[in-house]
Structure formats: structure tokens, C-alpha cells
Amino acid sequence: MINWLDIKDNHIEGISPRGRVCIRLAKDKVMSMYTMFGNTNKYMPSEHGVSSISDAKYMLEELLRSKN
């Protein structure tokens, strides 16, 4: 489970048992998503069918589950 923090400077950060995650925004549109589980990995919304902040959070939650 990811503990999501409030939007700050066009980013939404989340804390998980495996490490941090981040959603980068531009005018409330998801621009990219990151996992920082040791290495930093970048994910583009268009490549993962993400069209909203809730989609991005769901995708990152699924990545967290698949890494366990």
C-alpha cells in the first residue's frame, strides 16, 4: 500500500514499504510516474494507458504488488 501525500510543486509523492513513488503533473495532467525501489524507473502515461491521477496511482500500486 502506498501512503499518498498532497500535491506539492506539481508532484504527488507516495511512500511505500519498498520505497518512494512519484507522479509528475502539468496542470493536473499526468506527465510521468516514477518508482524509486533502489533504482529510479520512469514510466510514461501513454505507454501504460494512464489518463488521470487515479489511473497513475492505481498503476503504481499494481507495480508495488508485482514487485513483492
C-alpha atoms as a PDB file:
ATOM      1  CA  MET A   1       0.000   0.000   0.000  1.00  0.00           C
ATOM      2  CA  ILE A   2       1.186   3.476  -0.855  1.00  0.00           C
ATOM      3  CA  ASN A   3       0.657   6.371   1.544  1.00  0.00           C
ATOM      4  CA  TRP A   4      -0.030   9.318  -0.784  1.00  0.00           C
ATOM      5  CA  LEU A   5       0.971  12.844   0.197  1.00  0.00           C
ATOM      6  CA  ASP A   6      -0.658  16.064  -1.034  1.00  0.00           C
ATOM      7  CA  ILE A   7       0.283  17.706  -4.341  1.00  0.00           C
ATOM      8  CA  LYS A   8       3.397  19.832  -3.908  1.00  0.00           C
ATOM      9  CA  ASP A   9       5.168  21.712  -6.714  1.00  0.00           C
ATOM     10  CA  ASN A  10       3.407  19.702  -9.456  1.00  0.00           C
ATOM     11  CA  HIS A  11       4.306  16.357  -7.865  1.00  0.00           C
ATOM     12  CA  ILE A  12       2.423  13.797  -5.835  1.00  0.00           C
ATOM     13  CA  GLU A  13       4.761  11.714  -3.719  1.00  0.00           C
ATOM     14  CA  GLY A  14       3.920   8.401  -2.147  1.00  0.00           C
ATOM     15  CA  ILE A  15       5.708   6.309   0.451  1.00  0.00           C
ATOM     16  CA  SER A  16       5.573   2.514   0.280  1.00  0.00           C
ATOM     17  CA  PRO A  17       7.296  -0.318   2.134  1.00  0.00           C
ATOM     18  CA  ARG A  18       9.635  -0.770  -0.870  1.00  0.00           C
ATOM     19  CA  GLY A  19      10.481   2.919  -1.359  1.00  0.00           C
ATOM     20  CA  ARG A  20       9.126   6.163  -2.766  1.00  0.00           C
ATOM     21  CA  VAL A  21       6.962   6.728  -5.816  1.00  0.00           C
ATOM     22  CA  CYS A  22       6.150   9.981  -7.574  1.00  0.00           C
ATOM     23  CA  ILE A  23       3.648  11.301 -10.104  1.00  0.00           C
ATOM     24  CA  ARG A  24       4.734  14.380 -12.066  1.00  0.00           C
ATOM     25  CA  LEU A  25       1.923  16.687 -13.174  1.00  0.00           C
ATOM     26  CA  ALA A  26       1.382  19.623 -15.508  1.00  0.00           C
ATOM     27  CA  LYS A  27      -1.918  21.430 -14.880  1.00  0.00           C
ATOM     28  CA  ASP A  28      -3.363  18.312 -13.191  1.00  0.00           C
ATOM     29  CA  LYS A  29      -2.392  16.135 -16.178  1.00  0.00           C
ATOM     30  CA  VAL A  30      -0.067  13.185 -15.526  1.00  0.00           C
ATOM     31  CA  MET A  31       3.233  13.716 -17.334  1.00  0.00           C
ATOM     32  CA  SER A  32       5.258  10.819 -15.879  1.00  0.00           C
ATOM     33  CA  MET A  33       5.430   8.381 -12.990  1.00  0.00           C
ATOM     34  CA  TYR A  34       8.455   7.145 -11.071  1.00  0.00           C
ATOM     35  CA  THR A  35       9.314   4.288  -8.757  1.00  0.00           C
ATOM     36  CA  MET A  36      12.333   4.567  -6.502  1.00  0.00           C
ATOM     37  CA  PHE A  37      12.710   0.987  -5.264  1.00  0.00           C
ATOM     38  CA  GLY A  38      16.512   1.114  -5.142  1.00  0.00           C
ATOM     39  CA  ASN A  39      16.858   2.270  -8.763  1.00  0.00           C
ATOM     40  CA  THR A  40      14.681   5.023 -10.196  1.00  0.00           C
ATOM     41  CA  ASN A  41      12.410   3.900 -13.030  1.00  0.00           C
ATOM     42  CA  LYS A  42      10.355   6.283 -15.165  1.00  0.00           C
ATOM     43  CA  TYR A  43       7.006   5.360 -16.714  1.00  0.00           C
ATOM     44  CA  MET A  44       5.154   7.349 -19.362  1.00  0.00           C
ATOM     45  CA  PRO A  45       1.343   7.532 -19.096  1.00  0.00           C
ATOM     46  CA  SER A  46       0.765   6.920 -22.814  1.00  0.00           C
ATOM     47  CA  GLU A  47       2.658   3.610 -22.642  1.00  0.00           C
ATOM     48  CA  HIS A  48       0.565   2.340 -19.706  1.00  0.00           C
ATOM     49  CA  GLY A  49      -2.940   3.555 -20.525  1.00  0.00           C
ATOM     50  CA  VAL A  50      -2.876   6.203 -17.806  1.00  0.00           C
ATOM     51  CA  SER A  51      -5.145   9.185 -18.386  1.00  0.00           C
ATOM     52  CA  SER A  52      -5.784  10.501 -14.859  1.00  0.00           C
ATOM     53  CA  ILE A  53      -4.186  10.863 -11.453  1.00  0.00           C
ATOM     54  CA  SER A  54      -6.286   7.975 -10.130  1.00  0.00           C
ATOM     55  CA  ASP A  55      -5.081   5.783 -13.048  1.00  0.00           C
ATOM     56  CA  ALA A  56      -1.474   6.674 -12.208  1.00  0.00           C
ATOM     57  CA  LYS A  57      -1.960   5.829  -8.535  1.00  0.00           C
ATOM     58  CA  TYR A  58      -3.575   2.509  -9.480  1.00  0.00           C
ATOM     59  CA  MET A  59      -0.720   1.656 -11.861  1.00  0.00           C
ATOM     60  CA  LEU A  60       1.905   2.417  -9.224  1.00  0.00           C
ATOM     61  CA  GLU A  61       0.000   0.341  -6.638  1.00  0.00           C
ATOM     62  CA  GLU A  62      -0.024  -2.574  -9.123  1.00  0.00           C
ATOM     63  CA  LEU A  63       3.723  -2.177  -9.739  1.00  0.00           C
ATOM     64  CA  LEU A  64       4.300  -2.289  -5.996  1.00  0.00           C
ATOM     65  CA  ARG A  65       2.248  -5.501  -5.704  1.00  0.00           C
ATOM     66  CA  SER A  66       4.083  -7.134  -8.617  1.00  0.00           C
ATOM     67  CA  LYS A  67       7.484  -6.363  -7.066  1.00  0.00           C
ATOM     68  CA  ASN A  68       6.623  -8.166  -3.801  1.00  0.00           C
END
